């Protein structure tokens, strides 16, 4: 992982044959040393709708 301009890119590998054409939420809470530092409790937030990305396998 490299940090650039306040963003971190993550590579996530999973078996997604049953997830075709579905949205996948990667995480709702971001923890650092066991403490929640960012949380998105509402999946329907406008930010997520505008900035979502979806991967199909």
N, C-alpha and C. Protein backbone atom coordinates (compact mmCIF):
# COMPACT_ATOMS: atom_id res chain seq x y z
N UNK A 1 0.84 -1.18 0.00
CA UNK A 1 0.00 0.00 0.00
C UNK A 1 0.88 1.24 0.00
N UNK A 2 0.50 2.22 -0.80
CA UNK A 2 1.18 3.49 -0.82
C UNK A 2 0.17 4.60 -0.60
N UNK A 3 0.55 5.56 0.20
CA UNK A 3 -0.35 6.67 0.46
C UNK A 3 -0.01 7.80 -0.50
N UNK A 4 -1.04 8.33 -1.17
CA UNK A 4 -0.84 9.40 -2.13
C UNK A 4 -2.02 10.35 -2.06
N UNK A 5 -1.75 11.59 -1.77
CA UNK A 5 -2.79 12.63 -1.73
C UNK A 5 -3.95 12.25 -0.81
N UNK A 6 -3.66 11.63 0.32
CA UNK A 6 -4.69 11.32 1.29
C UNK A 6 -5.51 10.07 1.00
N UNK A 7 -5.16 9.33 -0.03
CA UNK A 7 -5.88 8.11 -0.37
C UNK A 7 -4.94 6.92 -0.27
N UNK A 8 -5.50 5.78 0.07
CA UNK A 8 -4.74 4.54 0.11
C UNK A 8 -5.41 3.55 -0.83
N UNK A 9 -4.63 2.97 -1.75
CA UNK A 9 -5.17 1.96 -2.65
C UNK A 9 -4.95 0.59 -2.02
N UNK A 10 -5.98 -0.24 -2.05
CA UNK A 10 -5.91 -1.59 -1.51
C UNK A 10 -6.20 -2.60 -2.60
N UNK A 11 -5.48 -3.69 -2.59
CA UNK A 11 -5.77 -4.80 -3.49
C UNK A 11 -6.48 -5.87 -2.66
N UNK A 12 -7.69 -6.23 -3.07
CA UNK A 12 -8.49 -7.20 -2.32
C UNK A 12 -8.83 -8.35 -3.26
N UNK A 13 -8.54 -9.56 -2.81
CA UNK A 13 -8.81 -10.75 -3.61
C UNK A 13 -9.86 -11.60 -2.90
N UNK A 14 -10.90 -12.01 -3.63
CA UNK A 14 -11.93 -12.88 -3.07
C UNK A 14 -12.59 -13.63 -4.22
N UNK A 15 -13.27 -14.72 -3.87
CA UNK A 15 -14.01 -15.49 -4.86
C UNK A 15 -15.35 -14.78 -5.04
N UNK A 16 -15.60 -14.31 -6.25
CA UNK A 16 -16.79 -13.51 -6.46
C UNK A 16 -17.76 -14.07 -7.47
N UNK A 17 -17.73 -15.36 -7.72
CA UNK A 17 -18.60 -15.92 -8.75
C UNK A 17 -20.08 -15.72 -8.43
N UNK A 18 -20.44 -15.69 -7.15
CA UNK A 18 -21.83 -15.48 -6.77
C UNK A 18 -22.16 -13.99 -6.59
N UNK A 19 -21.18 -13.13 -6.79
CA UNK A 19 -21.37 -11.70 -6.57
C UNK A 19 -21.48 -10.90 -7.86
N UNK A 20 -21.60 -11.54 -8.99
CA UNK A 20 -21.66 -10.82 -10.26
C UNK A 20 -22.79 -9.81 -10.26
N UNK A 21 -22.47 -8.63 -10.75
CA UNK A 21 -23.42 -7.52 -10.89
C UNK A 21 -24.03 -7.08 -9.57
N UNK A 22 -23.30 -7.24 -8.49
CA UNK A 22 -23.74 -6.77 -7.17
C UNK A 22 -22.71 -5.78 -6.65
N UNK A 23 -23.15 -4.84 -5.84
CA UNK A 23 -22.22 -3.93 -5.19
C UNK A 23 -21.64 -4.63 -3.98
N UNK A 24 -20.38 -4.36 -3.70
CA UNK A 24 -19.73 -4.94 -2.54
C UNK A 24 -19.19 -3.79 -1.69
N UNK A 25 -19.59 -3.74 -0.43
CA UNK A 25 -19.06 -2.75 0.50
C UNK A 25 -17.83 -3.37 1.14
N UNK A 26 -16.69 -2.73 0.97
CA UNK A 26 -15.44 -3.31 1.45
C UNK A 26 -15.33 -3.20 2.97
N UNK A 27 -15.62 -2.04 3.53
CA UNK A 27 -15.63 -1.90 4.98
C UNK A 27 -16.55 -0.76 5.38
N UNK A 28 -17.03 -0.83 6.58
CA UNK A 28 -17.85 0.23 7.15
C UNK A 28 -17.10 0.97 8.24
N UNK A 29 -16.14 0.33 8.88
CA UNK A 29 -15.33 0.96 9.92
C UNK A 29 -13.86 0.82 9.56
N UNK A 30 -13.09 1.87 9.76
CA UNK A 30 -11.65 1.83 9.56
C UNK A 30 -11.01 1.93 10.93
N UNK A 31 -10.20 0.93 11.26
CA UNK A 31 -9.56 0.89 12.57
C UNK A 31 -8.06 1.14 12.46
N UNK A 32 -7.52 1.77 13.47
CA UNK A 32 -6.07 1.96 13.58
C UNK A 32 -5.69 1.60 15.00
N UNK A 33 -4.85 0.60 15.15
CA UNK A 33 -4.43 0.10 16.46
C UNK A 33 -5.62 -0.26 17.34
N UNK A 34 -6.64 -0.86 16.71
CA UNK A 34 -7.80 -1.32 17.45
C UNK A 34 -8.86 -0.27 17.73
N UNK A 35 -8.63 0.96 17.32
CA UNK A 35 -9.58 2.05 17.55
C UNK A 35 -10.25 2.45 16.24
N UNK A 36 -11.56 2.65 16.25
CA UNK A 36 -12.28 3.11 15.06
C UNK A 36 -11.90 4.56 14.81
N UNK A 37 -11.37 4.84 13.60
CA UNK A 37 -11.00 6.22 13.27
C UNK A 37 -11.92 6.81 12.20
N UNK A 38 -12.58 5.98 11.41
CA UNK A 38 -13.55 6.43 10.41
C UNK A 38 -14.68 5.42 10.38
N UNK A 39 -15.91 5.89 10.32
CA UNK A 39 -17.03 4.98 10.24
C UNK A 39 -18.08 5.52 9.27
N UNK A 40 -18.72 4.62 8.55
CA UNK A 40 -19.82 4.95 7.64
C UNK A 40 -20.98 4.04 8.00
N UNK A 41 -21.76 4.39 9.02
CA UNK A 41 -22.82 3.49 9.47
C UNK A 41 -24.02 3.42 8.53
N UNK A 42 -24.19 4.40 7.65
CA UNK A 42 -25.33 4.42 6.74
C UNK A 42 -24.86 4.07 5.34
N UNK A 43 -25.18 2.88 4.87
CA UNK A 43 -24.75 2.42 3.55
C UNK A 43 -25.30 3.31 2.44
N UNK A 44 -26.39 3.99 2.68
CA UNK A 44 -27.03 4.81 1.66
C UNK A 44 -26.55 6.26 1.64
N UNK A 45 -25.42 6.53 2.28
CA UNK A 45 -24.90 7.90 2.29
C UNK A 45 -24.67 8.41 0.87
N UNK A 46 -24.90 9.69 0.67
CA UNK A 46 -24.70 10.31 -0.64
C UNK A 46 -23.25 10.15 -1.07
N UNK A 47 -22.28 10.29 -0.16
CA UNK A 47 -20.87 10.17 -0.52
C UNK A 47 -20.60 8.83 -1.18
N UNK A 48 -21.13 7.77 -0.61
CA UNK A 48 -20.90 6.45 -1.17
C UNK A 48 -21.54 6.31 -2.54
N UNK A 49 -22.73 6.87 -2.72
CA UNK A 49 -23.40 6.77 -4.01
C UNK A 49 -22.62 7.50 -5.09
N UNK A 50 -22.00 8.62 -4.74
CA UNK A 50 -21.26 9.41 -5.73
C UNK A 50 -19.87 8.85 -5.99
N UNK A 51 -19.27 8.17 -5.02
CA UNK A 51 -17.88 7.75 -5.13
C UNK A 51 -17.68 6.24 -5.09
N UNK A 52 -18.72 5.47 -5.32
CA UNK A 52 -18.61 4.02 -5.24
C UNK A 52 -17.83 3.45 -6.43
N UNK A 53 -17.27 2.31 -6.21
CA UNK A 53 -16.67 1.55 -7.30
C UNK A 53 -17.09 0.11 -7.13
N UNK A 54 -17.28 -0.57 -8.21
CA UNK A 54 -17.75 -1.95 -8.19
C UNK A 54 -16.87 -2.80 -9.08
N UNK A 55 -16.48 -3.96 -8.57
CA UNK A 55 -15.68 -4.89 -9.36
C UNK A 55 -16.53 -6.11 -9.67
N UNK A 56 -16.47 -6.57 -10.88
CA UNK A 56 -17.15 -7.80 -11.28
C UNK A 56 -16.10 -8.85 -11.59
N UNK A 57 -16.40 -10.10 -11.24
CA UNK A 57 -15.45 -11.17 -11.54
C UNK A 57 -15.99 -12.07 -12.62
